[in-house]
Amino acid sequence: MSSHRRPVGRARILAALGAVVVLVGCVLRWWSVGGASGLPELGGNAFEGMGIIVFAAALATIAVVTLPYATDRPVGGDRWPAYALLASLGWLAFLVRIIDLAILRAFSFHQPTEIFTNGPGLWVTGIGLAVMSRAAFEIYREPASR
């Protein structure tokens, strides 16, 4: 039995950290309307529409990071294209969901500060996707091994 285990590395830790931030953002509220003038407040998170794709991309990123350490031999999927594809898929689904919510007029801001408080999940998810993208770039810049 040979051991190919290597240190996880900064870029892969960054990818996993970004994916965890995205998962947290997916659980938080992405939009809300109402709640004033006696109207009930409506809101939602990533588990509607294309937001579920963002959640799945984050889970898949964690799987790609951990897969080489669950097997006894190197895994071909632990390369920069996999990380770039998952980050791109997450961004695409995220942007489509934002456009969808804008068309549905799900964003309601009565004061300038409400842009940050009405949908904190969107901001957290965007930060996580940016971290995942940076990790994919750093993995691309790593010297070729094997």
Protein backbone atom coordinates (compact mmCIF):
# COMPACT_ATOMS: atom_id res chain seq x y z
CA MET A 1 0.00 0.00 0.00
CA SER A 2 1.55 3.25 -1.10
CA SER A 3 0.70 6.57 0.36
CA HIS A 4 0.28 9.52 -1.96
CA ARG A 5 -0.98 11.79 0.76
CA ARG A 6 0.27 15.32 0.51
CA PRO A 7 -0.52 18.43 2.46
CA VAL A 8 -3.86 19.94 1.56
CA GLY A 9 -2.29 23.25 0.55
CA ARG A 10 -3.37 26.84 0.90
CA ALA A 11 -5.44 26.96 -2.31
CA ARG A 12 -7.52 23.91 -1.47
CA ILE A 13 -8.12 25.14 2.07
CA LEU A 14 -9.22 28.43 0.51
CA ALA A 15 -11.59 26.54 -1.82
CA ALA A 16 -13.12 24.62 1.08
CA LEU A 17 -13.41 27.79 3.17
CA GLY A 18 -15.12 29.62 0.30
CA ALA A 19 -17.52 26.70 -0.16
CA VAL A 20 -18.41 26.75 3.55
CA VAL A 21 -19.06 30.51 3.34
CA VAL A 22 -21.34 29.88 0.34
CA LEU A 23 -23.21 27.19 2.28
CA VAL A 24 -23.77 29.60 5.16
CA GLY A 25 -24.94 32.28 2.72
CA CYS A 26 -27.37 29.83 1.12
CA VAL A 27 -29.09 29.26 4.45
CA LEU A 28 -29.41 32.99 5.22
CA ARG A 29 -32.17 35.15 3.76
CA TRP A 30 -31.55 36.25 0.14
CA TRP A 31 -34.56 38.54 -0.23
CA SER A 32 -37.50 39.94 1.67
CA VAL A 33 -40.46 42.18 0.90
CA GLY A 34 -43.33 43.48 2.96
CA GLY A 35 -43.42 43.77 6.70
CA ALA A 36 -44.56 47.39 6.63
CA SER A 37 -48.04 48.89 6.71
CA GLY A 38 -49.49 45.75 8.25
CA LEU A 39 -48.39 43.50 5.38
CA PRO A 40 -46.75 40.18 6.21
CA GLU A 41 -43.05 39.88 5.42
CA LEU A 42 -42.13 37.40 2.70
CA GLY A 43 -38.60 36.18 2.13
CA GLY A 44 -36.54 33.37 0.76
CA ASN A 45 -33.07 31.92 0.55
CA ALA A 46 -31.03 29.89 -1.93
CA PHE A 47 -33.36 26.92 -1.91
CA GLU A 48 -35.58 28.39 -4.59
CA GLY A 49 -34.95 28.63 -8.31
CA MET A 50 -31.33 28.59 -9.46
CA GLY A 51 -30.07 29.19 -5.94
CA ILE A 52 -30.02 25.45 -5.33
CA ILE A 53 -27.33 25.16 -8.04
CA VAL A 54 -25.13 27.52 -6.00
CA PHE A 55 -25.62 25.27 -2.98
CA ALA A 56 -24.79 22.16 -5.03
CA ALA A 57 -21.64 23.80 -6.47
CA ALA A 58 -20.40 24.53 -2.94
CA LEU A 59 -21.05 20.94 -1.84
CA ALA A 60 -19.30 19.61 -4.95
CA THR A 61 -16.29 21.84 -4.22
CA ILE A 62 -15.97 20.35 -0.76
CA ALA A 63 -16.23 16.88 -2.30
CA VAL A 64 -13.48 17.65 -4.83
CA VAL A 65 -11.21 18.97 -2.07
CA THR A 66 -11.69 15.89 0.11
CA LEU A 67 -11.81 13.18 -2.57
CA PRO A 68 -8.03 12.74 -2.98
CA TYR A 69 -7.73 12.12 0.73
CA ALA A 70 -10.43 9.46 0.74
CA THR A 71 -8.72 7.20 -1.80
CA ASP A 72 -5.39 5.38 -1.94
CA ARG A 73 -4.38 6.79 -5.31
CA PRO A 74 -4.35 10.22 -6.93
CA VAL A 75 -7.64 11.53 -8.31
CA GLY A 76 -7.74 13.18 -11.73
CA GLY A 77 -10.57 15.52 -10.74
CA ASP A 78 -8.38 17.40 -8.27
CA ARG A 79 -7.15 19.86 -10.90
CA TRP A 80 -7.83 23.51 -11.58
CA PRO A 81 -10.51 22.95 -14.28
CA ALA A 82 -12.79 21.24 -11.74
CA TYR A 83 -12.50 24.14 -9.31
CA ALA A 84 -12.92 26.73 -12.06
CA LEU A 85 -15.97 24.93 -13.45
CA LEU A 86 -17.65 24.74 -10.03
CA ALA A 87 -16.93 28.39 -9.24
CA SER A 88 -18.20 29.45 -12.68
CA LEU A 89 -21.33 27.35 -12.32
CA GLY A 90 -21.95 28.90 -8.91
CA TRP A 91 -21.50 32.43 -10.27
CA LEU A 92 -23.76 31.78 -13.25
CA ALA A 93 -26.58 30.35 -11.12
CA PHE A 94 -26.11 33.18 -8.60
CA LEU A 95 -26.43 35.86 -11.28
CA VAL A 96 -29.44 34.17 -12.89
CA ARG A 97 -31.15 34.03 -9.49
CA ILE A 98 -30.43 37.73 -8.83
CA ILE A 99 -31.89 38.66 -12.23
CA ASP A 100 -34.90 36.46 -11.53
CA LEU A 101 -35.46 38.15 -8.16
CA ALA A 102 -35.06 41.59 -9.72
CA ILE A 103 -37.67 40.76 -12.37
CA LEU A 104 -40.03 39.57 -9.62
CA ARG A 105 -39.35 42.81 -7.71
CA ALA A 106 -38.25 40.86 -4.66
CA PHE A 107 -35.80 43.58 -3.67
CA SER A 108 -37.42 46.39 -1.73
CA PHE A 109 -35.21 49.08 -0.24
CA HIS A 110 -36.84 52.02 1.52
CA GLN A 111 -33.59 53.25 3.08
CA PRO A 112 -30.03 52.99 1.74
CA THR A 113 -28.93 50.73 4.61
CA GLU A 114 -31.59 48.15 3.75
CA ILE A 115 -29.56 46.99 0.76
CA PHE A 116 -27.33 45.15 3.25
CA THR A 117 -29.96 44.01 5.75
CA ASN A 118 -32.78 42.78 3.49
CA GLY A 119 -30.69 40.04 1.92
CA PRO A 120 -27.54 39.23 3.89
CA GLY A 121 -27.38 35.77 2.33
CA LEU A 122 -26.76 37.27 -1.10
CA TRP A 123 -23.76 39.21 0.18
CA VAL A 124 -22.31 36.25 2.10
CA THR A 125 -22.81 33.95 -0.88
CA GLY A 126 -21.14 36.45 -3.22
CA ILE A 127 -18.13 36.67 -0.90
CA GLY A 128 -17.91 32.87 -0.75
CA LEU A 129 -18.06 32.60 -4.53
CA ALA A 130 -15.29 35.19 -4.83
CA VAL A 131 -13.13 33.14 -2.44
CA MET A 132 -13.87 29.97 -4.46
CA SER A 133 -12.86 31.80 -7.65
CA ARG A 134 -9.61 32.99 -6.08
CA ALA A 135 -8.87 29.44 -4.95
CA ALA A 136 -9.42 28.14 -8.50
CA PHE A 137 -6.96 30.76 -9.77
CA GLU A 138 -4.38 29.80 -7.15
CA ILE A 139 -4.74 26.11 -8.04
CA TYR A 140 -4.24 27.06 -11.70
CA ARG A 141 -1.03 28.88 -10.77
CA GLU A 142 0.39 25.89 -8.83
CA PRO A 143 3.31 24.14 -10.49
CA ALA A 144 2.31 20.97 -12.33
CA SER A 145 2.84 17.84 -10.28
CA ARG A 146 3.10 14.24 -11.46
